[in-house]
Protein backbone atom coordinates (compact mmCIF):
# COMPACT_ATOMS: atom_id res chain seq x y z
CA MET A 1 -34.52 -29.24 -7.13
CA SER A 2 -30.92 -28.45 -8.02
CA VAL A 3 -30.01 -25.12 -6.46
CA HIS A 4 -26.50 -25.05 -5.10
CA ILE A 5 -23.67 -24.15 -7.47
CA GLY A 6 -20.90 -25.09 -5.07
CA ALA A 7 -18.16 -23.20 -6.91
CA VAL A 8 -15.94 -20.40 -5.69
CA PHE A 9 -16.08 -17.02 -7.40
CA SER A 10 -13.93 -15.75 -10.22
CA GLU A 11 -13.03 -12.17 -11.04
CA THR A 12 -15.40 -12.37 -14.01
CA ASP A 13 -18.43 -12.97 -11.77
CA LYS A 14 -20.85 -10.09 -11.91
CA ILE A 15 -22.60 -8.97 -8.73
CA SER A 16 -26.05 -7.48 -9.13
CA ILE A 17 -27.03 -4.93 -6.50
CA ALA A 18 -30.79 -5.06 -5.91
CA LEU A 19 -31.81 -1.62 -4.64
CA ALA A 20 -35.38 -1.03 -3.44
CA THR A 21 -36.40 2.63 -3.22
CA TYR A 22 -39.38 4.54 -1.88
CA ASN A 23 -39.25 8.24 -1.01
CA GLY A 24 -35.53 7.93 -0.40
CA GLU A 25 -34.26 11.31 -1.55
CA ARG A 26 -32.76 12.18 1.83
CA PHE A 27 -30.04 9.50 1.91
CA LEU A 28 -30.07 7.93 -1.56
CA ARG A 29 -27.12 9.78 -3.08
CA GLU A 30 -24.86 8.85 -0.17
CA GLN A 31 -25.83 5.19 -0.55
CA LEU A 32 -25.34 5.18 -4.32
CA ASP A 33 -21.95 6.85 -3.99
CA SER A 34 -20.86 4.13 -1.58
CA ILE A 35 -22.07 1.42 -3.99
CA TYR A 36 -20.30 2.88 -7.01
CA GLY A 37 -17.20 3.41 -4.87
CA GLN A 38 -16.78 -0.34 -4.26
CA THR A 39 -13.36 -1.90 -4.80
CA TYR A 40 -15.07 -4.80 -6.62
CA LYS A 41 -15.99 -3.24 -9.96
CA ASN A 42 -17.84 -5.96 -11.89
CA ILE A 43 -21.30 -4.86 -10.76
CA GLU A 44 -24.68 -3.82 -12.04
CA VAL A 45 -27.11 -1.73 -10.01
CA ILE A 46 -30.79 -2.51 -10.53
CA ALA A 47 -33.32 -0.30 -8.72
CA CYS A 48 -37.08 -0.62 -8.41
CA ASP A 49 -38.93 2.44 -7.19
CA ASP A 50 -42.16 1.77 -5.35
CA CYS A 51 -44.17 4.85 -6.45
CA SER A 52 -42.12 7.55 -4.72
CA THR A 53 -43.63 11.03 -4.46
CA ASP A 54 -40.36 12.85 -3.80
CA SER A 55 -37.28 13.29 -6.01
CA THR A 56 -36.09 9.66 -5.73
CA VAL A 57 -36.69 8.90 -9.41
CA GLU A 58 -34.83 12.04 -10.46
CA ILE A 59 -31.84 10.87 -8.41
CA LEU A 60 -31.99 7.44 -10.03
CA GLU A 61 -32.06 9.09 -13.45
CA GLU A 62 -29.02 11.15 -12.47
CA TYR A 63 -27.05 8.00 -11.58
CA LYS A 64 -28.33 6.24 -14.70
CA LYS A 65 -26.70 8.96 -16.81
CA LYS A 66 -23.55 9.03 -14.72
CA PHE A 67 -22.94 5.33 -14.03
CA GLY A 68 -25.43 3.31 -16.09
CA LEU A 69 -27.76 2.46 -13.20
CA VAL A 70 -30.89 0.66 -14.42
CA TYR A 71 -34.17 1.45 -12.74
CA TYR A 72 -37.82 0.54 -12.98
CA ILE A 73 -40.89 2.31 -11.62
CA ASN A 74 -43.68 0.13 -10.24
CA GLU A 75 -47.19 0.79 -11.54
CA LYS A 76 -48.51 0.44 -8.00
CA ASN A 77 -46.99 0.29 -4.55
CA LEU A 78 -45.84 -3.29 -3.87
CA GLY A 79 -44.31 -2.97 -0.41
CA PHE A 80 -40.68 -3.81 0.31
CA VAL A 81 -40.97 -7.62 0.18
CA ARG A 82 -42.67 -7.73 -3.24
CA ASN A 83 -40.43 -4.95 -4.50
CA PHE A 84 -37.35 -7.02 -3.67
CA GLU A 85 -39.00 -10.10 -5.16
CA LYS A 86 -39.41 -8.19 -8.43
CA LEU A 87 -35.81 -7.01 -8.24
CA PHE A 88 -34.53 -10.57 -7.94
CA THR A 89 -36.08 -11.45 -11.30
CA LEU A 90 -34.36 -8.47 -12.97
CA CYS A 91 -30.83 -9.21 -11.78
CA SER A 92 -28.43 -10.95 -14.17
CA GLY A 93 -25.32 -11.40 -12.02
CA ASN A 94 -24.09 -14.71 -10.62
CA PHE A 95 -24.41 -13.10 -7.18
CA ILE A 96 -27.02 -10.70 -5.83
CA ALA A 97 -26.40 -8.21 -3.01
CA LEU A 98 -29.31 -6.47 -1.30
CA ALA A 99 -29.28 -2.71 -0.80
CA ASP A 100 -31.54 -0.37 1.13
CA GLN A 101 -31.74 3.27 0.11
CA ASP A 102 -30.48 4.84 3.32
CA ASP A 103 -27.34 2.95 4.37
CA ILE A 104 -23.64 3.45 3.59
CA TRP A 105 -21.49 0.59 2.32
CA LEU A 106 -17.83 0.31 3.23
CA PRO A 107 -15.68 0.38 0.07
CA ASN A 108 -14.56 -3.26 0.34
CA LYS A 109 -17.95 -4.74 1.23
CA LEU A 110 -18.53 -6.68 -1.99
CA GLU A 111 -14.90 -7.74 -2.26
CA ILE A 112 -14.95 -9.25 1.24
CA LEU A 113 -18.30 -10.98 0.73
CA ILE A 114 -17.43 -12.59 -2.59
CA LYS A 115 -14.00 -13.71 -1.37
CA ASN A 116 -15.49 -15.32 1.73
CA ILE A 117 -18.72 -16.94 0.49
CA GLY A 118 -16.84 -20.13 -0.41
CA ASP A 119 -19.31 -22.85 -1.43
CA SER A 120 -22.18 -21.43 0.66
CA ASP A 121 -25.31 -20.09 -1.01
CA LEU A 122 -25.56 -16.95 1.14
CA ILE A 123 -23.21 -14.80 3.17
CA TYR A 124 -24.00 -11.96 5.56
CA SER A 125 -21.97 -9.68 7.77
CA ASP A 126 -22.13 -7.57 10.87
CA ALA A 127 -22.80 -3.83 10.55
CA GLU A 128 -22.31 -0.61 12.46
CA LEU A 129 -25.47 1.21 13.57
CA ILE A 130 -25.67 4.91 12.74
CA ASP A 131 -28.34 7.57 13.24
CA GLU A 132 -29.91 9.85 10.68
CA ASN A 133 -26.91 12.17 10.86
CA GLY A 134 -24.44 9.36 10.25
CA ASP A 135 -23.21 9.32 13.85
CA ALA A 136 -22.47 5.96 15.47
CA ILE A 137 -25.16 4.44 17.70
CA HIS A 138 -23.59 1.03 18.32
CA HIS A 139 -20.44 -0.56 16.95
CA SER A 140 -22.19 -3.87 16.17
CA LEU A 141 -25.63 -4.70 14.77
CA ILE A 142 -25.32 -8.28 16.01
CA GLU A 143 -24.37 -7.30 19.55
CA GLY A 144 -26.80 -4.38 19.65
CA SER A 145 -29.79 -6.48 18.61
CA GLY A 146 -28.82 -9.43 20.80
CA VAL A 147 -29.33 -12.09 18.13
CA ILE A 148 -27.62 -15.46 18.11
CA VAL A 149 -25.60 -15.81 14.92
CA GLY A 150 -26.76 -18.63 12.68
CA SER A 151 -24.67 -20.27 9.96
CA GLY A 152 -24.13 -23.51 8.08
CA ARG A 153 -26.91 -25.79 6.92
CA ASP A 154 -28.96 -25.62 10.12
CA PHE A 155 -32.37 -25.55 8.47
CA GLY A 156 -34.11 -25.98 11.83
CA TYR A 157 -32.45 -22.90 13.31
CA PHE A 158 -33.46 -20.64 10.44
CA LEU A 159 -36.95 -22.11 10.43
CA CYS A 160 -37.52 -20.64 13.90
CA ASN A 161 -34.99 -17.79 14.16
CA THR A 162 -33.06 -15.29 12.16
CA SER A 163 -29.87 -13.30 12.50
CA VAL A 164 -29.72 -12.07 8.91
CA THR A 165 -30.32 -8.44 7.95
CA GLY A 166 -30.92 -7.77 4.26
CA CYS A 167 -28.48 -4.89 3.76
CA THR A 168 -25.60 -7.18 4.79
CA VAL A 169 -26.55 -10.07 2.48
CA MET A 170 -25.12 -11.44 -0.74
CA PHE A 171 -26.36 -14.72 -2.24
CA ARG A 172 -25.99 -16.90 -5.31
CA ARG A 173 -28.51 -16.16 -8.03
CA SER A 174 -29.09 -19.92 -8.41
CA LEU A 175 -30.80 -19.86 -5.01
CA LEU A 176 -33.77 -18.07 -6.59
CA GLU A 177 -35.06 -21.43 -7.82
CA ALA A 178 -35.91 -22.23 -4.20
CA VAL A 179 -36.72 -18.68 -3.08
CA LEU A 180 -39.28 -17.63 -5.69
CA PRO A 181 -42.08 -17.00 -5.36
CA ILE A 182 -41.79 -15.72 -1.80
CA PRO A 183 -44.77 -17.11 0.16
CA GLU A 184 -47.51 -14.63 0.98
CA PHE A 185 -47.11 -15.19 4.72
CA GLU A 186 -43.43 -14.20 4.77
CA LYS A 187 -43.00 -10.71 6.22
CA TYR A 188 -39.29 -10.32 5.45
CA HIS A 189 -37.52 -11.32 2.24
CA ASP A 190 -34.13 -11.63 3.97
CA TRP A 191 -35.46 -14.14 6.53
CA TRP A 192 -36.83 -16.26 3.69
CA LEU A 193 -33.56 -16.07 1.75
CA ALA A 194 -31.60 -17.32 4.77
CA LEU A 195 -34.02 -20.19 5.37
CA CYS A 196 -33.80 -21.37 1.75
CA ALA A 197 -30.00 -21.04 1.78
CA ALA A 198 -29.80 -23.12 4.96
CA MET A 199 -31.78 -25.85 3.22
CA TYR A 200 -29.23 -26.14 0.42
CA GLY A 201 -25.69 -24.79 0.22
CA GLY A 202 -25.70 -23.15 3.62
CA VAL A 203 -25.32 -19.72 5.23
CA LYS A 204 -22.01 -18.10 6.11
CA TYR A 205 -21.39 -15.22 8.51
CA THR A 206 -18.46 -12.82 8.66
CA THR A 207 -17.79 -10.59 11.66
CA ASP A 208 -16.60 -7.80 9.37
CA LYS A 209 -18.75 -4.68 9.76
CA LEU A 210 -19.35 -3.87 6.11
CA VAL A 211 -22.37 -1.56 6.28
CA LYS A 212 -23.25 1.57 8.20
CA TYR A 213 -26.85 0.59 8.94
CA ARG A 214 -28.91 3.72 9.37
CA GLN A 215 -31.63 3.88 12.00
CA HIS A 216 -34.22 6.62 11.73
CA GLY A 217 -37.93 7.22 12.05
CA GLU A 218 -38.73 6.21 8.47
CA ASN A 219 -37.16 2.71 8.51
CA ASP A 220 -39.41 -0.15 7.42
CA THR A 221 -37.37 -2.39 9.71
CA GLY A 222 -34.69 -1.82 12.30
CA ALA A 223 -32.21 -3.40 14.61
CA ASN A 224 -34.69 -3.69 17.45
CA LYS A 225 -37.64 -4.74 15.29
CA LYS A 226 -36.34 -8.01 13.93
CA THR A 227 -35.31 -9.96 17.03
CA PRO A 228 -37.68 -12.76 18.12
CA LEU A 229 -37.88 -12.81 21.91
CA HIS A 230 -37.80 -16.26 23.46
CA LYS A 231 -39.58 -16.71 26.80
CA LEU A 232 -38.78 -19.13 29.57
CA LEU A 233 -40.27 -22.60 29.75
CA LEU A 234 -42.43 -21.58 32.71
CA ALA A 235 -44.14 -18.98 30.61
CA TYR A 236 -45.10 -21.63 28.07
CA LEU A 237 -46.39 -24.05 30.66
CA SER A 238 -48.40 -21.38 32.47
CA GLY A 239 -50.15 -20.35 29.25
CA ASP A 240 -48.65 -16.87 29.32
CA ILE A 241 -48.45 -16.37 25.54
CA SER A 242 -47.87 -12.79 24.47
CA GLU A 243 -48.88 -11.28 21.16
CA SER A 244 -45.30 -11.57 19.91
CA ARG A 245 -45.26 -15.25 20.85
CA VAL A 246 -48.49 -15.84 18.95
CA ARG A 247 -46.94 -14.30 15.83
CA TYR A 248 -43.87 -16.47 16.36
CA TYR A 249 -45.91 -19.70 16.60
CA LYS A 250 -47.98 -18.72 13.58
CA ARG A 251 -44.83 -18.17 11.55
CA ILE A 252 -43.55 -21.64 12.49
CA LEU A 253 -46.94 -23.15 11.62
CA GLU A 254 -47.09 -21.38 8.26
CA ARG A 255 -43.54 -22.35 7.33
CA THR A 256 -43.86 -26.00 8.36
CA ASP A 257 -47.15 -26.38 6.49
CA PHE A 258 -45.61 -24.72 3.43
CA PHE A 259 -42.67 -27.13 3.22
CA LEU A 260 -44.67 -30.23 4.16
CA ASN A 261 -47.10 -29.48 1.33
CA ARG A 262 -44.22 -29.05 -1.15
CA GLY A 263 -41.98 -31.95 -0.23
CA ASP A 264 -41.48 -32.95 -3.87
CA LYS A 265 -40.25 -29.52 -4.92
CA TYR A 266 -37.80 -29.16 -2.04
CA LYS A 267 -36.75 -32.83 -1.92
CA LEU A 268 -37.13 -33.08 1.84
CA THR A 269 -35.13 -35.74 3.64
CA SER A 270 -36.87 -37.97 6.18
CA SER A 271 -35.10 -36.17 9.03
CA ARG A 272 -36.36 -32.79 7.83
CA VAL A 273 -39.89 -34.14 7.46
CA GLU A 274 -39.67 -35.33 11.08
CA LEU A 275 -38.36 -31.91 12.15
CA LEU A 276 -41.16 -30.09 10.30
CA ASN A 277 -43.87 -32.34 11.75
CA ASP A 278 -42.51 -31.98 15.29
CA LEU A 279 -42.26 -28.20 15.09
CA ARG A 280 -45.69 -28.01 13.55
CA ASP A 281 -47.13 -29.98 16.48
CA TYR A 282 -45.26 -27.73 18.89
CA ALA A 283 -46.55 -24.49 17.40
CA ASP A 284 -50.08 -25.79 16.87
CA SER A 285 -50.33 -27.02 20.46
CA LEU A 286 -49.11 -23.75 21.94
CA LEU A 287 -51.40 -21.65 19.77
CA GLY A 288 -54.30 -23.79 20.98
CA LYS A 289 -52.95 -23.71 24.57
CA LYS A 290 -52.87 -27.51 24.64
CA PHE A 291 -50.10 -28.09 27.18
CA HIS A 292 -49.52 -31.84 27.15
CA ILE A 293 -46.48 -33.96 27.93
CA ARG A 294 -45.35 -34.01 24.27
CA ILE A 295 -44.66 -30.27 24.47
CA ILE A 296 -42.09 -30.84 27.19
CA PHE A 297 -40.49 -33.58 25.10
CA LEU A 298 -40.29 -31.32 22.05
CA VAL A 299 -38.88 -28.44 24.09
CA PHE A 300 -35.96 -30.59 25.22
CA LYS A 301 -35.52 -32.23 21.82
CA TYR A 302 -35.28 -28.90 20.01
CA LYS A 303 -33.95 -26.65 22.76
CA ASN A 304 -31.07 -25.43 20.59
CA ILE A 305 -33.56 -24.24 17.97
CA LEU A 306 -36.30 -22.92 20.24
CA PHE A 307 -34.22 -21.38 23.03
CA PRO A 308 -30.82 -20.28 21.67
CA LYS A 309 -30.77 -17.12 23.77
CA LEU A 310 -31.78 -18.87 26.94
CA LEU A 311 -29.11 -21.54 26.47
CA ARG A 312 -26.44 -18.90 25.94
CA LEU A 313 -27.59 -17.13 29.11
CA LEU A 314 -27.45 -20.34 31.15
CA LYS A 315 -23.80 -20.85 30.18
CA PHE A 316 -22.94 -17.93 32.46
CA PHE A 317 -24.31 -19.72 35.54
């Protein structure tokens, strides 16, 4: 599979903004105004509405007449992952930026992302957390959620962790060859995008806070809903596996099986096959509560992948 373009941007590159909407009348105009107020002007805005019952579609029609926004209405409710998947196929730009319906973009968001993506396949940024009234909750999404920032071509890290939030993401359209179709087991499109990018041209992170990321009662996801919690080694060895841990192991198992069964498509190197097999054994053993000596070996071999938070904490002692 040939995915990575490996070229820097030019001013003629169009950025497609993929906007997923569902009953978003409350904040949608503010978000659209911030998108059309970008300093980078070569954009198209493509929206897919997921069967809204409020005035969302009327707002989209308003911005279609005013700015040329293009929108589609789904025949049935797809959910946010499949809605974004559909959006990806409708975008024509060399780059695609993800947009939620309730955030606010800083005016230079797209300009900073496209100037800094370099030869990576995906770039993401930090964000400021705001409440439903637009008041600041926390100055940093990354600090507030406690994630460990991932970047580069560390496929193993993104296989087991994530630090990427969709509303901060821009990626090369060529990456869709690897991304689509999104596997049924994937719960978040942005996690899958980051994993595929890490496999090829890599992921880049900028500390710039380019989005005001709104947190309110109607969010599908949020800053405190997307952070995998890593437990101590003693918890593993004692068999104390929480429900969140079970979901975590299942996700590793599903992902490793997926790639191992599609080695030809993704052109896996021997080192990545070894990584996938090891992590599959690790997750499968812990799900079955089979605590043998190999688990300890794998924990130490892949400690940077499996325990990034714990390792950062230990540096303070």
